[in-house]
Amino acid sequence: MATQLIRKGKNHRPPLRKPQVKRARAKRIWQYGAHNAFTDLCLFRDKYYCVFREAAAHVSPDGSLRILQSSDGQRWCSVALIQSSIADLRDGKLVVTPDNRLQLLGAGALHDRSQYSYQSYVWFSTDGECWSEAIAVGEPNVWLWRLTWQQGYAWAIGYKCGGGPRLVRLYRSEDGVNFSVWVQTLNQQGYPNESALIFLPDERAVCLLRRDPDVALLGIAKPPYFDWQWRPLNCRVGGPQCLLLPDGRILATVRLYDKQVRTSLAWLDVENATLSETLQLPSAGDTSYAGMVWHQGRLAISYYSSHQGRTAIYFSQPRQWLKAKTTAAAPTPND
């Protein structure tokens, strides 16, 4: 090796090694359903609330939304189970409203599909344990994916399902119940569906949008959020969620498809439209759909995975947070 370097001259530099993606630890907090999946996480009155779907299988007609509560992230207890006699409840998302209530958003895959197949619902609670009756919101066959409250308005991106054109729409509501279409066709490139929506301090909106089987899209818009600029990212993702950190960086938790399917944390670079994987969660197989909370200078994450057999719910609080970005997520074969 020494001889080879000398022959290449004094200006030769060996290739730089890419930093290895670190691995986090996680605690399994629920495994009692036959299939436990599709989580979200919220901090409400200094307690963590984790919602997920509990059912017989990944796709089955009996889905219900179970809610766990914890004051320290270590000890968890079930405080609510929301069920429906008319629908398979899926993809629960939690958010705190401006008037300090917990709001739960979920979608129902209807048993009777004679008129339409899917309907979004919301529920409200003042304590996380007792919940209102389901309230139908949005349009039938448009799946409202997640709610983001910004300056007194609830914003939601919904994707068309149940047949017809594949597209996503932007909705706005003043009360979290009555949603009006804000952008009729937000994006229709390929098959856009799941999304994460955040607002930056300069009031720009940032959307991380899943597409199948293509690479994800990054959308950016200034108020009043009618005109969006879209760019392809450097990788394909599933189950996107984003969190704006106090230092201004954006952290995403996604399912990555290159090499082994896994759930990982990645830095989202808005200017360069890239995701850079930084921390891999214990995961494999059927996995993803994370919730993220930043509390007292520490990150908390919920997600699900099948790497230990049956799909279960996991909770992670990385002890040492990385101060620098690491390797860029590998491009998918679809690039």
C-alpha atoms as a PDB file:
ATOM      1  CA  MET A   1       0.000   0.000   0.000  1.00  0.00           C
ATOM      2  CA  ALA A   2       2.866   2.398   0.816  1.00  0.00           C
ATOM      3  CA  THR A   3       4.483   1.806  -2.588  1.00  0.00           C
ATOM      4  CA  GLN A   4       1.183   2.440  -4.319  1.00  0.00           C
ATOM      5  CA  LEU A   5       0.738   5.793  -2.559  1.00  0.00           C
ATOM      6  CA  ILE A   6       4.233   6.953  -3.440  1.00  0.00           C
ATOM      7  CA  ARG A   7       3.679   6.197  -7.099  1.00  0.00           C
ATOM      8  CA  LYS A   8       0.537   8.300  -7.153  1.00  0.00           C
ATOM      9  CA  GLY A   9       2.498  11.335  -5.990  1.00  0.00           C
ATOM     10  CA  LYS A  10       2.529  13.620  -2.992  1.00  0.00           C
ATOM     11  CA  ASN A  11      -0.845  15.178  -3.866  1.00  0.00           C
ATOM     12  CA  HIS A  12      -2.678  11.855  -3.649  1.00  0.00           C
ATOM     13  CA  ARG A  13      -5.339  11.643  -0.961  1.00  0.00           C
ATOM     14  CA  PRO A  14      -7.072   8.387  -0.042  1.00  0.00           C
ATOM     15  CA  PRO A  15     -10.855   8.481  -0.534  1.00  0.00           C
ATOM     16  CA  LEU A  16     -12.833   9.860   2.376  1.00  0.00           C
ATOM     17  CA  ARG A  17     -14.901   7.389   4.337  1.00  0.00           C
ATOM     18  CA  LYS A  18     -18.538   8.218   4.819  1.00  0.00           C
ATOM     19  CA  PRO A  19     -19.522   8.415   8.489  1.00  0.00           C
ATOM     20  CA  GLN A  20     -21.469   5.398   9.594  1.00  0.00           C
ATOM     21  CA  VAL A  21     -25.111   5.866  10.471  1.00  0.00           C
ATOM     22  CA  LYS A  22     -25.512   5.303  14.179  1.00  0.00           C
ATOM     23  CA  ARG A  23     -28.098   3.011  15.730  1.00  0.00           C
ATOM     24  CA  ALA A  24     -30.503   3.998  18.470  1.00  0.00           C
ATOM     25  CA  ARG A  25     -32.064   1.959  21.221  1.00  0.00           C
ATOM     26  CA  ALA A  26     -35.806   1.574  21.636  1.00  0.00           C
ATOM     27  CA  LYS A  27     -38.230   0.199  24.187  1.00  0.00           C
ATOM     28  CA  ARG A  28     -41.166  -1.975  23.191  1.00  0.00           C
ATOM     29  CA  ILE A  29     -44.220  -0.424  24.842  1.00  0.00           C
ATOM     30  CA  TRP A  30     -47.110  -2.460  23.352  1.00  0.00           C
ATOM     31  CA  GLN A  31     -47.392  -5.850  21.685  1.00  0.00           C
ATOM     32  CA  TYR A  32     -50.743  -7.231  22.818  1.00  0.00           C
ATOM     33  CA  GLY A  33     -52.760  -6.887  19.634  1.00  0.00           C
ATOM     34  CA  ALA A  34     -52.362  -9.324  16.774  1.00  0.00           C
ATOM     35  CA  HIS A  35     -51.152  -6.381  14.663  1.00  0.00           C
ATOM     36  CA  ASN A  36     -50.012  -3.118  16.281  1.00  0.00           C
ATOM     37  CA  ALA A  37     -49.013  -0.351  13.882  1.00  0.00           C
ATOM     38  CA  PHE A  38     -49.227   3.216  12.500  1.00  0.00           C
ATOM     39  CA  THR A  39     -48.296   5.385  15.470  1.00  0.00           C
ATOM     40  CA  ASP A  40     -48.271   9.022  16.414  1.00  0.00           C
ATOM     41  CA  LEU A  41     -46.954  10.790  19.501  1.00  0.00           C
ATOM     42  CA  CYS A  42     -48.004  13.967  21.294  1.00  0.00           C
ATOM     43  CA  LEU A  43     -47.120  15.826  24.485  1.00  0.00           C
ATOM     44  CA  PHE A  44     -50.164  17.046  26.399  1.00  0.00           C
ATOM     45  CA  ARG A  45     -50.038  18.506  29.908  1.00  0.00           C
ATOM     46  CA  ASP A  46     -46.538  17.114  30.462  1.00  0.00           C
ATOM     47  CA  LYS A  47     -47.533  13.577  29.528  1.00  0.00           C
ATOM     48  CA  TYR A  48     -46.804  11.580  26.406  1.00  0.00           C
ATOM     49  CA  TYR A  49     -49.741  10.185  24.452  1.00  0.00           C
ATOM     50  CA  CYS A  50     -49.154   7.547  21.807  1.00  0.00           C
ATOM     51  CA  VAL A  51     -51.908   6.443  19.431  1.00  0.00           C
ATOM     52  CA  PHE A  52     -51.787   3.455  17.093  1.00  0.00           C
ATOM     53  CA  ARG A  53     -54.014   1.026  15.241  1.00  0.00           C
ATOM     54  CA  GLU A  54     -54.700  -2.348  16.854  1.00  0.00           C
ATOM     55  CA  ALA A  55     -56.242  -5.049  14.658  1.00  0.00           C
ATOM     56  CA  ALA A  56     -56.045  -8.614  13.406  1.00  0.00           C
ATOM     57  CA  ALA A  57     -53.773  -7.756  10.473  1.00  0.00           C
ATOM     58  CA  HIS A  58     -52.152  -4.952   8.472  1.00  0.00           C
ATOM     59  CA  VAL A  59     -55.324  -4.844   6.378  1.00  0.00           C
ATOM     60  CA  SER A  60     -58.422  -6.104   8.194  1.00  0.00           C
ATOM     61  CA  PRO A  61     -61.917  -4.720   8.922  1.00  0.00           C
ATOM     62  CA  ASP A  62     -61.543  -4.557  12.714  1.00  0.00           C
ATOM     63  CA  GLY A  63     -59.059  -1.725  13.287  1.00  0.00           C
ATOM     64  CA  SER A  64     -59.407   0.356  16.440  1.00  0.00           C
ATOM     65  CA  LEU A  65     -57.313   3.245  17.778  1.00  0.00           C
ATOM     66  CA  ARG A  66     -55.632   2.604  21.108  1.00  0.00           C
ATOM     67  CA  ILE A  67     -54.098   5.440  23.132  1.00  0.00           C
ATOM     68  CA  LEU A  68     -51.283   4.953  25.636  1.00  0.00           C
ATOM     69  CA  GLN A  69     -50.173   7.454  28.255  1.00  0.00           C
ATOM     70  CA  SER A  70     -46.839   7.929  30.028  1.00  0.00           C
ATOM     71  CA  SER A  71     -45.394  10.602  32.298  1.00  0.00           C
ATOM     72  CA  ASP A  72     -41.759   9.555  31.803  1.00  0.00           C
ATOM     73  CA  GLY A  73     -41.567   7.515  28.574  1.00  0.00           C
ATOM     74  CA  GLN A  74     -40.737   4.385  30.580  1.00  0.00           C
ATOM     75  CA  ARG A  75     -44.018   3.234  32.090  1.00  0.00           C
ATOM     76  CA  TRP A  76     -47.019   3.188  29.756  1.00  0.00           C
ATOM     77  CA  CYS A  77     -50.676   2.418  30.331  1.00  0.00           C
ATOM     78  CA  SER A  78     -53.645   2.190  28.002  1.00  0.00           C
ATOM     79  CA  VAL A  79     -56.133   4.988  28.658  1.00  0.00           C
ATOM     80  CA  ALA A  80     -58.518   4.766  25.695  1.00  0.00           C
ATOM     81  CA  LEU A  81     -59.663   2.449  22.911  1.00  0.00           C
ATOM     82  CA  ILE A  82     -61.680   4.051  20.120  1.00  0.00           C
ATOM     83  CA  GLN A  83     -63.703   1.659  17.992  1.00  0.00           C
ATOM     84  CA  SER A  84     -66.242   1.882  15.191  1.00  0.00           C
ATOM     85  CA  SER A  85     -69.032  -0.460  14.137  1.00  0.00           C
ATOM     86  CA  ILE A  86     -69.028   0.900  10.588  1.00  0.00           C
ATOM     87  CA  ALA A  87     -65.338   1.201   9.702  1.00  0.00           C
ATOM     88  CA  ASP A  88     -61.811  -0.057  10.111  1.00  0.00           C
ATOM     89  CA  LEU A  89     -60.104   2.863  11.900  1.00  0.00           C
ATOM     90  CA  ARG A  90     -56.598   3.635  10.662  1.00  0.00           C
ATOM     91  CA  ASP A  91     -53.675   6.040  10.969  1.00  0.00           C
ATOM     92  CA  GLY A  92     -54.552   8.000  14.085  1.00  0.00           C
ATOM     93  CA  LYS A  93     -52.756  11.342  14.510  1.00  0.00           C
ATOM     94  CA  LEU A  94     -52.682  13.471  17.668  1.00  0.00           C
ATOM     95  CA  VAL A  95     -52.358  17.240  18.013  1.00  0.00           C
ATOM     96  CA  VAL A  96     -53.004  19.838  20.701  1.00  0.00           C
ATOM     97  CA  THR A  97     -55.552  22.493  19.673  1.00  0.00           C
ATOM     98  CA  PRO A  98     -55.156  26.224  20.359  1.00  0.00           C
ATOM     99  CA  ASP A  99     -57.747  25.942  23.168  1.00  0.00           C
ATOM    100  CA  ASN A 100     -55.656  23.200  24.839  1.00  0.00           C
ATOM    101  CA  ARG A 101     -57.598  20.082  23.923  1.00  0.00           C
ATOM    102  CA  LEU A 102     -56.296  16.876  22.450  1.00  0.00           C
ATOM    103  CA  GLN A 103     -57.502  16.289  18.919  1.00  0.00           C
ATOM    104  CA  LEU A 104     -57.356  12.919  17.231  1.00  0.00           C
ATOM    105  CA  LEU A 105     -57.569  12.538  13.462  1.00  0.00           C
ATOM    106  CA  GLY A 106     -58.144   9.162  11.847  1.00  0.00           C
ATOM    107  CA  ALA A 107     -59.484   7.576   8.707  1.00  0.00           C
ATOM    108  CA  GLY A 108     -62.216   4.987   8.424  1.00  0.00           C
ATOM    109  CA  ALA A 109     -62.165   2.297   5.761  1.00  0.00           C
ATOM    110  CA  LEU A 110     -65.922   1.794   5.577  1.00  0.00           C
ATOM    111  CA  HIS A 111     -67.567  -1.619   5.710  1.00  0.00           C
ATOM    112  CA  ASP A 112     -70.420  -0.480   3.476  1.00  0.00           C
ATOM    113  CA  ARG A 113     -68.879   0.885   0.281  1.00  0.00           C
ATOM    114  CA  SER A 114     -72.062   1.304  -1.706  1.00  0.00           C
ATOM    115  CA  GLN A 115     -71.631   5.120  -1.726  1.00  0.00           C
ATOM    116  CA  TYR A 116     -67.940   5.679  -0.946  1.00  0.00           C
ATOM    117  CA  SER A 117     -65.061   3.801   0.641  1.00  0.00           C
ATOM    118  CA  TYR A 118     -63.233   6.136   3.029  1.00  0.00           C
ATOM    119  CA  GLN A 119     -64.112   8.894   5.480  1.00  0.00           C
ATOM    120  CA  SER A 120     -61.893  10.961   7.791  1.00  0.00           C
ATOM    121  CA  TYR A 121     -62.945  11.594  11.410  1.00  0.00           C
ATOM    122  CA  VAL A 122     -61.852  13.678  14.391  1.00  0.00           C
ATOM    123  CA  TRP A 123     -62.359  13.200  18.124  1.00  0.00           C
ATOM    124  CA  PHE A 124     -61.669  15.629  20.998  1.00  0.00           C
ATOM    125  CA  SER A 125     -60.608  15.146  24.622  1.00  0.00           C
ATOM    126  CA  THR A 126     -59.741  17.374  27.576  1.00  0.00           C
ATOM    127  CA  ASP A 127     -57.859  14.675  29.495  1.00  0.00           C
ATOM    128  CA  GLY A 128     -56.708  12.081  26.927  1.00  0.00           C
ATOM    129  CA  GLU A 129     -58.980   9.429  28.415  1.00  0.00           C
ATOM    130  CA  CYS A 130     -62.562  10.444  27.671  1.00  0.00           C
ATOM    131  CA  TRP A 131     -63.207  11.201  24.017  1.00  0.00           C
ATOM    132  CA  SER A 132     -66.052  12.727  22.052  1.00  0.00           C
ATOM    133  CA  GLU A 133     -68.047  10.869  19.447  1.00  0.00           C
ATOM    134  CA  ALA A 134     -66.523  10.670  15.989  1.00  0.00           C
ATOM    135  CA  ILE A 135     -67.098  13.712  13.766  1.00  0.00           C
ATOM    136  CA  ALA A 136     -66.845  13.202  10.004  1.00  0.00           C
ATOM    137  CA  VAL A 137     -64.552  15.792   8.402  1.00  0.00           C
ATOM    138  CA  GLY A 138     -63.306  16.635   4.943  1.00  0.00           C
ATOM    139  CA  GLU A 139     -64.520  14.953   1.781  1.00  0.00           C
ATOM    140  CA  PRO A 140     -65.389  11.283   1.302  1.00  0.00           C
ATOM    141  CA  ASN A 141     -62.611   9.327  -0.402  1.00  0.00           C
ATOM    142  CA  VAL A 142     -59.997  11.943   0.481  1.00  0.00           C
ATOM    143  CA  TRP A 143     -57.792  10.707   3.319  1.00  0.00           C
ATOM    144  CA  LEU A 144     -56.798  13.592   5.609  1.00  0.00           C
ATOM    145  CA  TRP A 145     -53.363  12.461   6.697  1.00  0.00           C
ATOM    146  CA  ARG A 146     -52.291  14.794   9.483  1.00  0.00           C
ATOM    147  CA  LEU A 147     -53.318  18.082  11.144  1.00  0.00           C
ATOM    148  CA  THR A 148     -50.992  21.014  11.724  1.00  0.00           C
ATOM    149  CA  TRP A 149     -52.240  24.052  13.643  1.00  0.00           C
ATOM    150  CA  GLN A 150     -50.670  27.329  12.519  1.00  0.00           C
ATOM    151  CA  GLN A 151     -51.755  30.799  13.685  1.00  0.00           C
ATOM    152  CA  GLY A 152     -55.266  29.705  14.583  1.00  0.00           C
ATOM    153  CA  TYR A 153     -55.917  27.525  11.531  1.00  0.00           C
ATOM    154  CA  ALA A 154     -55.801  23.765  11.166  1.00  0.00           C
ATOM    155  CA  TRP A 155     -54.108  22.678   7.940  1.00  0.00           C
ATOM    156  CA  ALA A 156     -54.354  19.204   6.470  1.00  0.00           C
ATOM    157  CA  ILE A 157     -53.173  17.497   3.306  1.00  0.00           C
ATOM    158  CA  GLY A 158     -55.478  14.783   2.040  1.00  0.00           C
ATOM    159  CA  TYR A 159     -54.843  12.233  -0.667  1.00  0.00           C
ATOM    160  CA  LYS A 160     -57.449  10.885  -3.063  1.00  0.00           C
ATOM    161  CA  CYS A 161     -58.335   7.244  -2.549  1.00  0.00           C
ATOM    162  CA  GLY A 162     -61.132   4.877  -3.464  1.00  0.00           C
ATOM    163  CA  GLY A 163     -60.688   5.308  -7.212  1.00  0.00           C
ATOM    164  CA  GLY A 164     -60.396   8.281  -9.525  1.00  0.00           C
ATOM    165  CA  PRO A 165     -57.367  10.506 -10.157  1.00  0.00           C
ATOM    166  CA  ARG A 166     -54.376  10.210  -7.838  1.00  0.00           C
ATOM    167  CA  LEU A 167     -53.706  13.579  -6.225  1.00  0.00           C
ATOM    168  CA  VAL A 168     -53.331  15.454  -2.947  1.00  0.00           C
ATOM    169  CA  ARG A 169     -55.312  18.489  -1.761  1.00  0.00           C
ATOM    170  CA  LEU A 170     -54.667  21.145   0.842  1.00  0.00           C
ATOM    171  CA  TYR A 171     -57.416  21.938   3.361  1.00  0.00           C
ATOM    172  CA  ARG A 172     -57.861  24.660   5.971  1.00  0.00           C
ATOM    173  CA  SER A 173     -60.165  24.902   8.978  1.00  0.00           C
ATOM    174  CA  GLU A 174     -60.828  27.514  11.649  1.00  0.00           C
ATOM    175  CA  ASP A 175     -62.182  25.029  14.196  1.00  0.00           C
ATOM    176  CA  GLY A 176     -60.569  21.697  13.273  1.00  0.00           C
ATOM    177  CA  VAL A 177     -63.942  20.315  12.165  1.00  0.00           C
ATOM    178  CA  ASN A 178     -65.170  22.272   9.142  1.00  0.00           C
ATOM    179  CA  PHE A 179     -62.530  21.966   6.449  1.00  0.00           C
ATOM    180  CA  SER A 180     -62.589  23.846   3.168  1.00  0.00           C
ATOM    181  CA  VAL A 181     -60.460  23.054   0.139  1.00  0.00           C
ATOM    182  CA  TRP A 182     -57.592  25.545  -0.007  1.00  0.00           C
ATOM    183  CA  VAL A 183     -55.714  24.075  -2.994  1.00  0.00           C
ATOM    184  CA  GLN A 184     -57.776  21.746  -5.166  1.00  0.00           C
ATOM    185  CA  THR A 185     -54.811  19.951  -6.751  1.00  0.00           C
ATOM    186  CA  LEU A 186     -51.744  20.366  -4.602  1.00  0.00           C
ATOM    187  CA  ASN A 187     -49.778  17.731  -6.502  1.00  0.00           C
ATOM    188  CA  GLN A 188     -50.559  14.903  -8.915  1.00  0.00           C
ATOM    189  CA  GLN A 189     -47.097  13.734  -9.956  1.00  0.00           C
ATOM    190  CA  GLY A 190     -47.181   9.934  -9.896  1.00  0.00           C
ATOM    191  CA  TYR A 191     -48.990   8.530  -6.860  1.00  0.00           C
ATOM    192  CA  PRO A 192     -48.684  11.147  -4.075  1.00  0.00           C
ATOM    193  CA  ASN A 193     -50.165  10.108  -0.716  1.00  0.00           C
ATOM    194  CA  GLU A 194     -48.799  10.373   2.843  1.00  0.00           C
ATOM    195  CA  SER A 195     -47.328  13.682   3.952  1.00  0.00           C
ATOM    196  CA  ALA A 196     -45.700  15.717   6.701  1.00  0.00           C
ATOM    197  CA  LEU A 197     -46.413  19.445   6.878  1.00  0.00           C
ATOM    198  CA  ILE A 198     -44.528  21.998   8.989  1.00  0.00           C
ATOM    199  CA  PHE A 199     -44.290  25.788   9.091  1.00  0.00           C
ATOM    200  CA  LEU A 200     -40.974  27.611   9.370  1.00  0.00           C
ATOM    201  CA  PRO A 201     -40.369  30.755  11.453  1.00  0.00           C
ATOM    202  CA  ASP A 202     -40.534  32.846   8.251  1.00  0.00           C
ATOM    203  CA  GLU A 203     -44.060  31.367   7.718  1.00  0.00           C
ATOM    204  CA  ARG A 204     -43.071  29.244   4.723  1.00  0.00           C
ATOM    205  CA  ALA A 205     -44.821  25.871   4.611  1.00  0.00           C
ATOM    206  CA  VAL A 206     -42.722  22.767   3.961  1.00  0.00           C
ATOM    207  CA  CYS A 207     -44.238  19.462   2.851  1.00  0.00           C
ATOM    208  CA  LEU A 208     -42.479  16.096   2.680  1.00  0.00           C
ATOM    209  CA  LEU A 209     -44.647  14.052   0.328  1.00  0.00           C
ATOM    210  CA  ARG A 210     -44.484  10.311  -0.232  1.00  0.00           C
ATOM    211  CA  ARG A 211     -44.905   8.923  -3.747  1.00  0.00           C
ATOM    212  CA  ASP A 212     -45.060   5.303  -4.795  1.00  0.00           C
ATOM    213  CA  PRO A 213     -42.947   3.834  -6.212  1.00  0.00           C
ATOM    214  CA  ASP A 214     -41.010   7.028  -6.947  1.00  0.00           C
ATOM    215  CA  VAL A 215     -38.744   9.215  -4.862  1.00  0.00           C
ATOM    216  CA  ALA A 216     -40.429  11.601  -2.419  1.00  0.00           C
ATOM    217  CA  LEU A 217     -41.197  15.222  -3.213  1.00  0.00           C
ATOM    218  CA  LEU A 218     -40.363  18.380  -1.280  1.00  0.00           C
ATOM    219  CA  GLY A 219     -42.918  21.177  -1.523  1.00  0.00           C
ATOM    220  CA  ILE A 220     -42.449  24.764  -0.346  1.00  0.00           C
ATOM    221  CA  ALA A 221     -44.915  27.653  -0.328  1.00  0.00           C
ATOM    222  CA  LYS A 222     -45.169  31.158   1.095  1.00  0.00           C
ATOM    223  CA  PRO A 223     -48.378  32.583   2.568  1.00  0.00           C
ATOM    224  CA  PRO A 224     -51.196  32.359   1.589  1.00  0.00           C
ATOM    225  CA  TYR A 225     -50.034  28.882   0.453  1.00  0.00           C
ATOM    226  CA  PHE A 226     -51.701  28.818  -2.942  1.00  0.00           C
ATOM    227  CA  ASP A 227     -48.539  28.503  -5.038  1.00  0.00           C
ATOM    228  CA  TRP A 228     -46.218  25.565  -4.336  1.00  0.00           C
ATOM    229  CA  GLN A 229     -42.793  24.718  -5.713  1.00  0.00           C
ATOM    230  CA  TRP A 230     -42.007  21.004  -5.884  1.00  0.00           C
ATOM    231  CA  ARG A 231     -38.659  19.236  -6.207  1.00  0.00           C
ATOM    232  CA  PRO A 232     -37.792  15.527  -6.147  1.00  0.00           C
ATOM    233  CA  LEU A 233     -35.798  14.323  -3.160  1.00  0.00           C
ATOM    234  CA  ASN A 234     -32.877  11.915  -3.341  1.00  0.00           C
ATOM    235  CA  CYS A 235     -34.713   8.834  -2.049  1.00  0.00           C
ATOM    236  CA  ARG A 236     -38.010   7.060  -1.664  1.00  0.00           C
ATOM    237  CA  VAL A 237     -39.708   7.242   1.749  1.00  0.00           C
ATOM    238  CA  GLY A 238     -42.705   5.839   3.566  1.00  0.00           C
ATOM    239  CA  GLY A 239     -44.673   7.124   6.565  1.00  0.00           C
ATOM    240  CA  PRO A 240     -43.052  10.600   6.650  1.00  0.00           C
ATOM    241  CA  GLN A 241     -43.049  12.786   9.726  1.00  0.00           C
ATOM    242  CA  CYS A 242     -41.049  15.989  10.308  1.00  0.00           C
ATOM    243  CA  LEU A 243     -40.066  18.053  13.323  1.00  0.00           C
ATOM    244  CA  LEU A 244     -38.629  21.576  13.387  1.00  0.00           C
ATOM    245  CA  LEU A 245     -35.913  21.676  16.043  1.00  0.00           C
ATOM    246  CA  PRO A 246     -35.187  24.752  18.195  1.00  0.00           C
ATOM    247  CA  ASP A 247     -31.953  25.385  16.251  1.00  0.00           C
ATOM    248  CA  GLY A 248     -33.869  25.620  12.967  1.00  0.00           C
ATOM    249  CA  ARG A 249     -32.927  22.241  11.519  1.00  0.00           C
ATOM    250  CA  ILE A 250     -35.605  19.860  10.257  1.00  0.00           C
ATOM    251  CA  LEU A 251     -35.559  16.257  11.350  1.00  0.00           C
ATOM    252  CA  ALA A 252     -37.606  13.598   9.568  1.00  0.00           C
ATOM    253  CA  THR A 253     -38.465  10.051  10.510  1.00  0.00           C
ATOM    254  CA  VAL A 254     -39.186   7.855   7.498  1.00  0.00           C
ATOM    255  CA  ARG A 255     -39.116   4.326   6.172  1.00  0.00           C
ATOM    256  CA  LEU A 256     -36.150   3.894   3.836  1.00  0.00           C
ATOM    257  CA  TYR A 257     -36.143   1.280   1.090  1.00  0.00           C
ATOM    258  CA  ASP A 258     -32.514   1.000  -0.010  1.00  0.00           C
ATOM    259  CA  LYS A 259     -30.693  -2.076   1.282  1.00  0.00           C
ATOM    260  CA  GLN A 260     -32.756  -3.367   4.231  1.00  0.00           C
ATOM    261  CA  VAL A 261     -36.138  -1.721   4.788  1.00  0.00           C
ATOM    262  CA  ARG A 262     -35.896   0.233   8.029  1.00  0.00           C
ATOM    263  CA  THR A 263     -37.181   3.198  10.019  1.00  0.00           C
ATOM    264  CA  SER A 264     -34.581   5.946  10.363  1.00  0.00           C
ATOM    265  CA  LEU A 265     -34.112   9.561  11.319  1.00  0.00           C
ATOM    266  CA  ALA A 266     -32.802  11.861   8.621  1.00  0.00           C
ATOM    267  CA  TRP A 267     -31.955  15.517   8.240  1.00  0.00           C
ATOM    268  CA  LEU A 268     -34.129  17.321   5.723  1.00  0.00           C
ATOM    269  CA  ASP A 269     -32.166  19.930   3.786  1.00  0.00           C
ATOM    270  CA  VAL A 270     -34.774  22.268   2.311  1.00  0.00           C
ATOM    271  CA  GLU A 271     -32.346  24.261   0.194  1.00  0.00           C
ATOM    272  CA  ASN A 272     -30.812  21.219  -1.524  1.00  0.00           C
ATOM    273  CA  ALA A 273     -33.879  18.934  -1.401  1.00  0.00           C
ATOM    274  CA  THR A 274     -32.055  16.037   0.252  1.00  0.00           C
ATOM    275  CA  LEU A 275     -32.582  13.637   3.117  1.00  0.00           C
ATOM    276  CA  SER A 276     -29.452  12.526   5.009  1.00  0.00           C
ATOM    277  CA  GLU A 277     -29.856   9.489   7.221  1.00  0.00           C
ATOM    278  CA  THR A 278     -28.421  10.075  10.675  1.00  0.00           C
ATOM    279  CA  LEU A 279     -29.854   7.530  13.111  1.00  0.00           C
ATOM    280  CA  GLN A 280     -31.332   4.085  12.491  1.00  0.00           C
ATOM    281  CA  LEU A 281     -34.025   2.791  14.814  1.00  0.00           C
ATOM    282  CA  PRO A 282     -34.259  -0.934  15.618  1.00  0.00           C
ATOM    283  CA  SER A 283     -36.571  -1.988  12.800  1.00  0.00           C
ATOM    284  CA  ALA A 284     -37.168  -4.213   9.789  1.00  0.00           C
ATOM    285  CA  GLY A 285     -39.964  -5.614   7.672  1.00  0.00           C
ATOM    286  CA  ASP A 286     -43.348  -4.077   8.451  1.00  0.00           C
ATOM    287  CA  THR A 287     -42.241  -0.803  10.025  1.00  0.00           C
ATOM    288  CA  SER A 288     -42.467   3.023  10.042  1.00  0.00           C
ATOM    289  CA  TYR A 289     -45.209   5.603  10.825  1.00  0.00           C
ATOM    290  CA  ALA A 290     -43.473   7.540  13.559  1.00  0.00           C
ATOM    291  CA  GLY A 291     -44.537  10.248  15.935  1.00  0.00           C
ATOM    292  CA  MET A 292     -42.004  12.848  17.111  1.00  0.00           C
ATOM    293  CA  VAL A 293     -41.860  15.188  20.117  1.00  0.00           C
ATOM    294  CA  TRP A 294     -39.127  17.555  21.284  1.00  0.00           C
ATOM    295  CA  HIS A 295     -39.381  18.074  25.041  1.00  0.00           C
ATOM    296  CA  GLN A 296     -36.905  19.588  27.478  1.00  0.00           C
ATOM    297  CA  GLY A 297     -34.056  19.387  25.009  1.00  0.00           C
ATOM    298  CA  ARG A 298     -34.615  15.764  24.099  1.00  0.00           C
ATOM    299  CA  LEU A 299     -36.210  13.920  21.213  1.00  0.00           C
ATOM    300  CA  ALA A 300     -38.917  11.295  21.752  1.00  0.00           C
ATOM    301  CA  ILE A 301     -40.074   8.983  18.964  1.00  0.00           C
ATOM    302  CA  SER A 302     -42.825   6.410  18.612  1.00  0.00           C
ATOM    303  CA  TYR A 303     -42.957   3.934  15.736  1.00  0.00           C
ATOM    304  CA  TYR A 304     -43.824   0.338  14.954  1.00  0.00           C
ATOM    305  CA  SER A 305     -41.786  -2.569  13.648  1.00  0.00           C
ATOM    306  CA  SER A 306     -41.837  -6.323  13.111  1.00  0.00           C
ATOM    307  CA  HIS A 307     -38.116  -6.987  13.627  1.00  0.00           C
ATOM    308  CA  GLN A 308     -38.863  -9.001  16.779  1.00  0.00           C
ATOM    309  CA  GLY A 309     -41.651 -11.029  15.191  1.00  0.00           C
ATOM    310  CA  ARG A 310     -45.142  -9.690  15.759  1.00  0.00           C
ATOM    311  CA  THR A 311     -45.585  -6.024  14.901  1.00  0.00           C
ATOM    312  CA  ALA A 312     -45.222  -3.984  18.070  1.00  0.00           C
ATOM    313  CA  ILE A 313     -45.072  -0.358  19.205  1.00  0.00           C
ATOM    314  CA  TYR A 314     -41.686   1.115  20.170  1.00  0.00           C
ATOM    315  CA  PHE A 315     -40.536   4.266  21.933  1.00  0.00           C
ATOM    316  CA  SER A 316     -37.062   5.791  21.684  1.00  0.00           C
ATOM    317  CA  GLN A 317     -35.290   8.711  23.331  1.00  0.00           C
ATOM    318  CA  PRO A 318     -31.769   8.969  21.887  1.00  0.00           C
ATOM    319  CA  ARG A 319     -29.431   9.791  24.768  1.00  0.00           C
ATOM    320  CA  GLN A 320     -26.837  11.695  22.764  1.00  0.00           C
ATOM    321  CA  TRP A 321     -28.080  13.871  19.966  1.00  0.00           C
ATOM    322  CA  LEU A 322     -25.858  14.221  16.909  1.00  0.00           C
ATOM    323  CA  LYS A 323     -24.591  17.750  16.297  1.00  0.00           C
ATOM    324  CA  ALA A 324     -23.753  17.338  12.616  1.00  0.00           C
ATOM    325  CA  LYS A 325     -25.367  15.933   9.544  1.00  0.00           C
ATOM    326  CA  THR A 326     -24.146  12.569   8.298  1.00  0.00           C
ATOM    327  CA  THR A 327     -24.488  10.537   5.134  1.00  0.00           C
ATOM    328  CA  ALA A 328     -27.060  11.256   2.455  1.00  0.00           C
ATOM    329  CA  ALA A 329     -29.732   8.618   2.042  1.00  0.00           C
ATOM    330  CA  ALA A 330     -28.885   6.336  -0.854  1.00  0.00           C
ATOM    331  CA  PRO A 331     -30.839   6.925  -4.064  1.00  0.00           C
ATOM    332  CA  THR A 332     -33.430   4.318  -4.892  1.00  0.00           C
ATOM    333  CA  PRO A 333     -33.377   2.367  -8.162  1.00  0.00           C
ATOM    334  CA  ASN A 334     -36.181   4.659  -9.347  1.00  0.00           C
ATOM    335  CA  ASP A 335     -33.854   7.671  -9.556  1.00  0.00           C
END
